[in-house]
């Protein structure tokens, strides 16, 4: 799967996540500090750029990082078609996929350990029944298109 990976700052856990994704056969497109190698002046701009890569179909999903994970999830969710979920554990990530069909995994640079990152990624990418949660997702799409 082709994915975006974005953060406004670099943290060592990003390398663990990138390695895990590549080991599991994903193609990763980098944005923000992960692409430039420098701390970004704004967390908003690279988040919008990464979300647009999903919105336009360049990438299927994304993993977005910031200090708490909250800011990037707020920004990402402003882009139509993006369903970003801030997840701090594997069960939250699993539920976000099953019930919300989330297409952006939002993570905290501050909280995320290497082991928890791997647990969350495993849960996020395990298969799920697309029929579960579909009614809510369709209702959300109707709401978005009416705005």
N, C-alpha and C. Protein backbone atom coordinates (compact mmCIF):
# COMPACT_ATOMS: atom_id res chain seq x y z
N UNK A 1 0.85 -1.18 0.00
CA UNK A 1 0.00 0.00 0.00
C UNK A 1 0.89 1.24 0.00
N UNK A 2 0.49 2.25 -0.72
CA UNK A 2 1.23 3.50 -0.77
C UNK A 2 0.68 4.41 0.34
N UNK A 3 1.60 4.85 1.21
CA UNK A 3 1.24 5.62 2.40
C UNK A 3 2.02 6.92 2.48
N UNK A 4 1.44 7.89 3.19
CA UNK A 4 2.18 9.10 3.55
C UNK A 4 2.61 8.99 5.01
N UNK A 5 3.77 9.54 5.29
CA UNK A 5 4.29 9.62 6.65
C UNK A 5 4.74 11.06 6.83
N UNK A 6 4.20 11.73 7.86
CA UNK A 6 4.50 13.15 8.04
C UNK A 6 4.69 13.47 9.52
N UNK A 7 5.60 14.39 9.78
CA UNK A 7 5.79 14.97 11.11
C UNK A 7 6.44 16.33 10.93
N UNK A 8 6.22 17.19 11.93
CA UNK A 8 6.85 18.50 11.88
C UNK A 8 8.24 18.49 12.51
N UNK A 9 8.56 17.44 13.26
CA UNK A 9 9.87 17.27 13.88
C UNK A 9 10.27 15.81 13.73
N UNK A 10 11.57 15.54 13.81
CA UNK A 10 12.02 14.17 13.72
C UNK A 10 12.23 13.60 15.12
N UNK A 11 11.75 12.37 15.32
CA UNK A 11 11.97 11.62 16.56
C UNK A 11 12.45 10.22 16.18
N UNK A 12 13.26 9.59 16.99
CA UNK A 12 13.77 8.24 16.67
C UNK A 12 12.69 7.21 16.36
N UNK A 13 11.53 7.33 16.97
CA UNK A 13 10.46 6.36 16.72
C UNK A 13 10.00 6.39 15.26
N UNK A 14 10.22 7.49 14.56
CA UNK A 14 9.84 7.57 13.15
C UNK A 14 10.62 6.53 12.33
N UNK A 15 11.87 6.33 12.66
CA UNK A 15 12.68 5.33 11.94
C UNK A 15 12.14 3.93 12.17
N UNK A 16 11.69 3.67 13.38
CA UNK A 16 11.10 2.37 13.70
C UNK A 16 9.83 2.15 12.89
N UNK A 17 8.98 3.19 12.83
CA UNK A 17 7.74 3.11 12.07
C UNK A 17 8.03 2.92 10.58
N UNK A 18 8.94 3.71 10.03
CA UNK A 18 9.29 3.61 8.62
C UNK A 18 9.84 2.22 8.30
N UNK A 19 10.73 1.71 9.13
CA UNK A 19 11.28 0.37 8.92
C UNK A 19 10.18 -0.69 8.94
N UNK A 20 9.27 -0.58 9.92
CA UNK A 20 8.17 -1.55 10.04
C UNK A 20 7.31 -1.53 8.77
N UNK A 21 6.98 -0.33 8.31
CA UNK A 21 6.14 -0.20 7.11
C UNK A 21 6.82 -0.82 5.90
N UNK A 22 8.08 -0.52 5.71
CA UNK A 22 8.81 -1.05 4.55
C UNK A 22 8.97 -2.56 4.66
N UNK A 23 9.22 -3.07 5.87
CA UNK A 23 9.33 -4.52 6.07
C UNK A 23 8.03 -5.24 5.75
N UNK A 24 6.91 -4.54 5.88
CA UNK A 24 5.60 -5.12 5.61
C UNK A 24 5.09 -4.78 4.21
N UNK A 25 6.00 -4.32 3.35
CA UNK A 25 5.70 -4.16 1.94
C UNK A 25 5.02 -2.86 1.53
N UNK A 26 4.99 -1.88 2.42
CA UNK A 26 4.35 -0.60 2.09
C UNK A 26 5.34 0.34 1.42
N UNK A 27 4.85 1.11 0.47
CA UNK A 27 5.63 2.18 -0.15
C UNK A 27 5.29 3.46 0.61
N UNK A 28 6.30 4.18 1.06
CA UNK A 28 6.09 5.34 1.93
C UNK A 28 6.60 6.61 1.26
N UNK A 29 5.73 7.63 1.24
CA UNK A 29 6.08 8.96 0.75
C UNK A 29 6.20 9.86 1.97
N UNK A 30 7.33 10.53 2.10
CA UNK A 30 7.62 11.35 3.27
C UNK A 30 7.23 12.82 3.04
N UNK A 31 6.74 13.45 4.12
CA UNK A 31 6.40 14.87 4.12
C UNK A 31 6.97 15.51 5.39
N UNK A 32 7.06 16.83 5.35
CA UNK A 32 7.49 17.58 6.52
C UNK A 32 8.94 17.30 6.88
N UNK A 33 9.22 17.25 8.19
CA UNK A 33 10.59 17.05 8.68
C UNK A 33 11.16 15.70 8.24
N UNK A 34 10.29 14.74 8.00
CA UNK A 34 10.77 13.42 7.58
C UNK A 34 11.33 13.47 6.17
N UNK A 35 10.87 14.42 5.38
CA UNK A 35 11.39 14.61 4.03
C UNK A 35 12.55 15.60 4.02
N UNK A 36 12.39 16.73 4.72
CA UNK A 36 13.40 17.80 4.67
C UNK A 36 14.59 17.56 5.58
N UNK A 37 14.39 16.74 6.63
CA UNK A 37 15.46 16.52 7.60
C UNK A 37 15.61 17.67 8.58
N UNK A 38 14.68 18.62 8.53
CA UNK A 38 14.73 19.78 9.42
C UNK A 38 13.37 19.98 10.10
N UNK A 39 13.40 20.57 11.29
CA UNK A 39 12.16 20.89 11.97
C UNK A 39 11.38 21.90 11.13
N UNK A 40 10.12 21.63 10.94
CA UNK A 40 9.27 22.51 10.14
C UNK A 40 8.86 23.74 10.95
N UNK A 41 8.67 24.86 10.27
CA UNK A 41 8.22 26.08 10.94
C UNK A 41 6.78 25.95 11.39
N UNK A 42 6.00 25.16 10.67
CA UNK A 42 4.59 24.98 10.95
C UNK A 42 4.25 23.50 10.89
N UNK A 43 3.40 23.04 11.78
CA UNK A 43 2.91 21.67 11.68
C UNK A 43 1.68 21.61 10.77
N UNK A 44 1.08 22.75 10.49
CA UNK A 44 -0.14 22.79 9.69
C UNK A 44 0.16 22.49 8.22
N UNK A 45 1.11 23.20 7.64
CA UNK A 45 1.40 23.07 6.21
C UNK A 45 1.75 21.65 5.78
N UNK A 46 2.72 20.98 6.44
CA UNK A 46 3.02 19.62 5.98
C UNK A 46 1.86 18.64 6.20
N UNK A 47 1.05 18.90 7.21
CA UNK A 47 -0.12 18.05 7.44
C UNK A 47 -1.12 18.19 6.31
N UNK A 48 -1.38 19.42 5.88
CA UNK A 48 -2.30 19.66 4.76
C UNK A 48 -1.76 19.00 3.50
N UNK A 49 -0.47 19.16 3.25
CA UNK A 49 0.13 18.56 2.05
C UNK A 49 -0.02 17.04 2.06
N UNK A 50 0.24 16.43 3.20
CA UNK A 50 0.12 14.97 3.31
C UNK A 50 -1.33 14.52 3.17
N UNK A 51 -2.26 15.26 3.77
CA UNK A 51 -3.68 14.91 3.67
C UNK A 51 -4.16 15.03 2.22
N UNK A 52 -3.68 16.03 1.51
CA UNK A 52 -4.06 16.17 0.11
C UNK A 52 -3.55 15.00 -0.74
N UNK A 53 -2.40 14.44 -0.38
CA UNK A 53 -1.89 13.27 -1.11
C UNK A 53 -2.84 12.09 -0.98
N UNK A 54 -3.53 12.00 0.14
CA UNK A 54 -4.54 10.95 0.32
C UNK A 54 -5.82 11.34 -0.40
N UNK A 55 -6.23 12.57 -0.22
CA UNK A 55 -7.47 13.05 -0.84
C UNK A 55 -7.45 12.89 -2.36
N UNK A 56 -6.32 13.15 -2.98
CA UNK A 56 -6.21 13.07 -4.44
C UNK A 56 -5.97 11.66 -4.96
N UNK A 57 -5.73 10.72 -4.04
CA UNK A 57 -5.50 9.34 -4.45
C UNK A 57 -4.06 9.00 -4.71
N UNK A 58 -3.15 9.97 -4.53
CA UNK A 58 -1.72 9.67 -4.70
C UNK A 58 -1.29 8.59 -3.71
N UNK A 59 -1.84 8.66 -2.51
CA UNK A 59 -1.59 7.65 -1.47
C UNK A 59 -2.93 7.19 -0.92
N UNK A 60 -2.94 5.97 -0.40
CA UNK A 60 -4.19 5.41 0.11
C UNK A 60 -4.48 5.84 1.55
N UNK A 61 -3.46 5.87 2.38
CA UNK A 61 -3.61 6.19 3.80
C UNK A 61 -2.39 6.95 4.29
N UNK A 62 -2.43 7.34 5.59
CA UNK A 62 -1.29 8.04 6.14
C UNK A 62 -1.10 7.82 7.62
N UNK A 63 0.12 8.09 8.04
CA UNK A 63 0.47 8.09 9.45
C UNK A 63 1.05 9.47 9.72
N UNK A 64 0.39 10.21 10.61
CA UNK A 64 0.72 11.60 10.88
C UNK A 64 1.16 11.75 12.33
N UNK A 65 2.27 12.46 12.55
CA UNK A 65 2.81 12.68 13.88
C UNK A 65 2.88 14.17 14.22
N UNK A 66 2.64 14.51 15.46
CA UNK A 66 3.04 15.80 16.04
C UNK A 66 3.22 15.56 17.54
N UNK A 67 3.56 16.60 18.29
CA UNK A 67 3.91 16.43 19.69
C UNK A 67 2.85 15.64 20.46
N UNK A 68 1.58 16.05 20.35
CA UNK A 68 0.51 15.32 21.05
C UNK A 68 -0.28 14.43 20.10
N UNK A 69 -0.23 14.70 18.81
CA UNK A 69 -1.05 14.01 17.84
C UNK A 69 -2.38 14.71 17.61
N UNK A 70 -2.74 15.61 18.50
CA UNK A 70 -4.03 16.29 18.41
C UNK A 70 -4.06 17.29 17.27
N UNK A 71 -3.05 18.13 17.17
CA UNK A 71 -3.03 19.17 16.13
C UNK A 71 -3.13 18.59 14.73
N UNK A 72 -2.33 17.56 14.47
CA UNK A 72 -2.36 17.01 13.12
C UNK A 72 -3.67 16.30 12.83
N UNK A 73 -4.29 15.73 13.86
CA UNK A 73 -5.59 15.09 13.61
C UNK A 73 -6.66 16.14 13.33
N UNK A 74 -6.59 17.28 14.00
CA UNK A 74 -7.54 18.36 13.74
C UNK A 74 -7.38 18.87 12.31
N UNK A 75 -6.14 19.17 11.93
CA UNK A 75 -5.89 19.68 10.58
C UNK A 75 -6.29 18.66 9.53
N UNK A 76 -5.87 17.43 9.69
CA UNK A 76 -6.19 16.39 8.71
C UNK A 76 -7.69 16.23 8.53
N UNK A 77 -8.43 16.29 9.61
CA UNK A 77 -9.89 16.11 9.54
C UNK A 77 -10.60 17.29 8.90
N UNK A 78 -9.91 18.37 8.63
CA UNK A 78 -10.50 19.50 7.89
C UNK A 78 -10.51 19.23 6.38
N UNK A 79 -9.72 18.26 5.93
CA UNK A 79 -9.62 17.93 4.52
C UNK A 79 -10.71 16.91 4.19
N UNK A 80 -11.62 17.23 3.27
CA UNK A 80 -12.70 16.30 2.94
C UNK A 80 -12.18 14.92 2.54
N UNK A 81 -12.82 13.91 3.08
CA UNK A 81 -12.44 12.53 2.78
C UNK A 81 -11.44 11.94 3.74
N UNK A 82 -10.87 12.77 4.59
CA UNK A 82 -9.91 12.28 5.58
C UNK A 82 -10.66 11.95 6.87
N UNK A 83 -10.34 10.78 7.41
CA UNK A 83 -10.88 10.35 8.70
C UNK A 83 -9.68 9.99 9.57
N UNK A 84 -9.16 10.99 10.28
CA UNK A 84 -7.97 10.81 11.11
C UNK A 84 -8.38 10.42 12.52
N UNK A 85 -7.66 9.45 13.07
CA UNK A 85 -7.93 8.98 14.43
C UNK A 85 -6.65 9.04 15.25
N UNK A 86 -6.71 9.77 16.35
CA UNK A 86 -5.59 9.85 17.29
C UNK A 86 -5.62 8.59 18.14
N UNK A 87 -4.58 7.78 18.03
CA UNK A 87 -4.54 6.49 18.72
C UNK A 87 -3.32 6.39 19.62
N UNK A 88 -3.54 5.94 20.84
CA UNK A 88 -2.45 5.77 21.80
C UNK A 88 -2.21 4.31 22.15
N UNK A 89 -3.04 3.42 21.60
CA UNK A 89 -2.86 1.99 21.85
C UNK A 89 -3.45 1.19 20.70
N UNK A 90 -3.15 -0.09 20.69
CA UNK A 90 -3.56 -0.96 19.59
C UNK A 90 -5.08 -1.11 19.49
N UNK A 91 -5.77 -1.21 20.60
CA UNK A 91 -7.22 -1.39 20.55
C UNK A 91 -7.94 -0.17 20.00
N UNK A 92 -7.44 1.02 20.32
CA UNK A 92 -8.02 2.24 19.76
C UNK A 92 -7.80 2.28 18.26
N UNK A 93 -6.61 1.89 17.82
CA UNK A 93 -6.31 1.85 16.38
C UNK A 93 -7.21 0.83 15.68
N UNK A 94 -7.36 -0.33 16.27
CA UNK A 94 -8.22 -1.38 15.69
C UNK A 94 -9.66 -0.87 15.56
N UNK A 95 -10.17 -0.26 16.62
CA UNK A 95 -11.54 0.26 16.60
C UNK A 95 -11.73 1.38 15.60
N UNK A 96 -10.72 2.24 15.45
CA UNK A 96 -10.81 3.34 14.48
C UNK A 96 -10.93 2.80 13.06
N UNK A 97 -10.28 1.69 12.78
CA UNK A 97 -10.36 1.07 11.46
C UNK A 97 -11.72 0.40 11.27
N UNK A 98 -12.14 -0.39 12.25
CA UNK A 98 -13.38 -1.16 12.13
C UNK A 98 -14.60 -0.25 12.08
N UNK A 99 -14.72 0.65 13.03
CA UNK A 99 -15.96 1.42 13.19
C UNK A 99 -15.97 2.74 12.45
N UNK A 100 -14.79 3.30 12.19
CA UNK A 100 -14.73 4.61 11.54
C UNK A 100 -14.07 4.58 10.17
N UNK A 101 -13.54 3.43 9.78
CA UNK A 101 -12.80 3.30 8.52
C UNK A 101 -11.77 4.42 8.40
N UNK A 102 -11.09 4.70 9.51
CA UNK A 102 -10.09 5.77 9.52
C UNK A 102 -9.02 5.49 8.46
N UNK A 103 -8.60 6.55 7.79
CA UNK A 103 -7.55 6.42 6.77
C UNK A 103 -6.28 7.18 7.14
N UNK A 104 -6.29 7.83 8.30
CA UNK A 104 -5.10 8.48 8.83
C UNK A 104 -4.94 8.08 10.29
N UNK A 105 -3.79 7.54 10.59
CA UNK A 105 -3.41 7.19 11.95
C UNK A 105 -2.62 8.36 12.52
N UNK A 106 -3.17 9.01 13.53
CA UNK A 106 -2.50 10.15 14.17
C UNK A 106 -1.81 9.64 15.44
N UNK A 107 -0.54 9.99 15.58
CA UNK A 107 0.26 9.50 16.71
C UNK A 107 1.00 10.65 17.38
N UNK A 108 1.27 10.47 18.67
CA UNK A 108 1.97 11.46 19.47
C UNK A 108 3.47 11.20 19.48
N UNK A 109 4.24 12.19 19.08
CA UNK A 109 5.70 12.09 19.19
C UNK A 109 6.13 11.97 20.65
N UNK A 110 5.41 12.60 21.53
CA UNK A 110 5.76 12.64 22.95
C UNK A 110 5.54 11.30 23.64
N UNK A 111 4.46 10.62 23.32
CA UNK A 111 4.07 9.41 24.06
C UNK A 111 4.54 8.10 23.46
N UNK A 112 4.79 8.06 22.18
CA UNK A 112 4.95 6.79 21.47
C UNK A 112 6.30 6.13 21.71
N UNK A 113 6.27 4.92 22.24
CA UNK A 113 7.49 4.11 22.37
C UNK A 113 7.61 3.21 21.15
N UNK A 114 8.77 2.63 20.97
CA UNK A 114 8.98 1.75 19.82
C UNK A 114 8.07 0.53 19.88
N UNK A 115 7.94 -0.10 21.04
CA UNK A 115 7.11 -1.29 21.16
C UNK A 115 5.63 -0.98 20.93
N UNK A 116 5.15 0.12 21.52
CA UNK A 116 3.75 0.49 21.33
C UNK A 116 3.49 0.86 19.87
N UNK A 117 4.45 1.50 19.23
CA UNK A 117 4.30 1.84 17.80
C UNK A 117 4.07 0.58 16.99
N UNK A 118 4.85 -0.46 17.23
CA UNK A 118 4.71 -1.71 16.48
C UNK A 118 3.36 -2.37 16.76
N UNK A 119 2.91 -2.32 18.02
CA UNK A 119 1.60 -2.89 18.37
C UNK A 119 0.48 -2.15 17.65
N UNK A 120 0.56 -0.82 17.64
CA UNK A 120 -0.46 -0.01 16.96
C UNK A 120 -0.46 -0.29 15.47
N UNK A 121 0.71 -0.33 14.86
CA UNK A 121 0.80 -0.60 13.42
C UNK A 121 0.23 -1.98 13.08
N UNK A 122 0.53 -2.97 13.88
CA UNK A 122 0.00 -4.32 13.63
C UNK A 122 -1.52 -4.31 13.67
N UNK A 123 -2.08 -3.62 14.65
CA UNK A 123 -3.55 -3.54 14.77
C UNK A 123 -4.15 -2.75 13.61
N UNK A 124 -3.52 -1.65 13.25
CA UNK A 124 -4.02 -0.77 12.19
C UNK A 124 -4.10 -1.51 10.85
N UNK A 125 -3.09 -2.31 10.55
CA UNK A 125 -2.99 -2.94 9.24
C UNK A 125 -3.56 -4.36 9.18
N UNK A 126 -4.09 -4.86 10.28
CA UNK A 126 -4.73 -6.18 10.19
C UNK A 126 -6.04 -6.03 9.44
N UNK A 127 -6.46 -7.06 8.77
CA UNK A 127 -7.69 -6.99 8.00
C UNK A 127 -8.90 -6.75 8.89
N UNK A 128 -9.92 -6.12 8.33
CA UNK A 128 -11.15 -5.90 9.07
C UNK A 128 -12.34 -5.97 8.13
N UNK A 129 -13.49 -6.26 8.69
CA UNK A 129 -14.73 -6.37 7.94
C UNK A 129 -15.21 -4.97 7.56
N UNK A 130 -15.14 -4.66 6.26
CA UNK A 130 -15.51 -3.33 5.77
C UNK A 130 -17.00 -3.02 5.99
N UNK A 131 -17.81 -4.02 6.24
CA UNK A 131 -19.24 -3.78 6.46
C UNK A 131 -19.51 -3.21 7.85
N UNK A 132 -18.64 -3.52 8.79
CA UNK A 132 -18.80 -2.95 10.13
C UNK A 132 -18.51 -1.46 10.05
N UNK A 133 -19.36 -0.68 10.62
CA UNK A 133 -19.16 0.75 10.65
C UNK A 133 -19.56 1.48 9.38
N UNK A 134 -19.98 0.75 8.35
CA UNK A 134 -20.25 1.38 7.05
C UNK A 134 -21.39 2.39 7.14
N UNK A 135 -22.40 2.11 7.94
CA UNK A 135 -23.54 3.04 8.04
C UNK A 135 -23.08 4.40 8.56
N UNK A 136 -22.25 4.41 9.58
CA UNK A 136 -21.75 5.66 10.12
C UNK A 136 -20.85 6.40 9.15
N UNK A 137 -20.01 5.66 8.43
CA UNK A 137 -19.11 6.27 7.45
C UNK A 137 -19.92 6.89 6.32
N UNK A 138 -20.94 6.19 5.85
CA UNK A 138 -21.79 6.74 4.78
C UNK A 138 -22.53 7.99 5.26
N UNK A 139 -22.99 7.97 6.49
CA UNK A 139 -23.67 9.15 7.05
C UNK A 139 -22.70 10.33 7.11
N UNK A 140 -21.47 10.07 7.50
CA UNK A 140 -20.45 11.12 7.54
C UNK A 140 -20.17 11.67 6.15
N UNK A 141 -20.08 10.79 5.15
CA UNK A 141 -19.85 11.25 3.77
C UNK A 141 -20.99 12.14 3.29
N UNK A 142 -22.21 11.79 3.63
CA UNK A 142 -23.38 12.61 3.26
C UNK A 142 -23.28 13.99 3.92
N UNK A 143 -22.92 14.01 5.18
CA UNK A 143 -22.76 15.27 5.91
C UNK A 143 -21.68 16.12 5.26
N UNK A 144 -20.53 15.51 4.94
CA UNK A 144 -19.43 16.26 4.32
C UNK A 144 -19.84 16.86 2.98
N UNK A 145 -20.57 16.10 2.18
CA UNK A 145 -20.94 16.59 0.85
C UNK A 145 -21.99 17.68 0.90
N UNK A 146 -22.72 17.78 2.01
CA UNK A 146 -23.76 18.80 2.15
C UNK A 146 -23.20 20.14 2.62
N UNK A 147 -21.96 20.15 3.06
CA UNK A 147 -21.38 21.39 3.59
C UNK A 147 -20.93 22.29 2.50
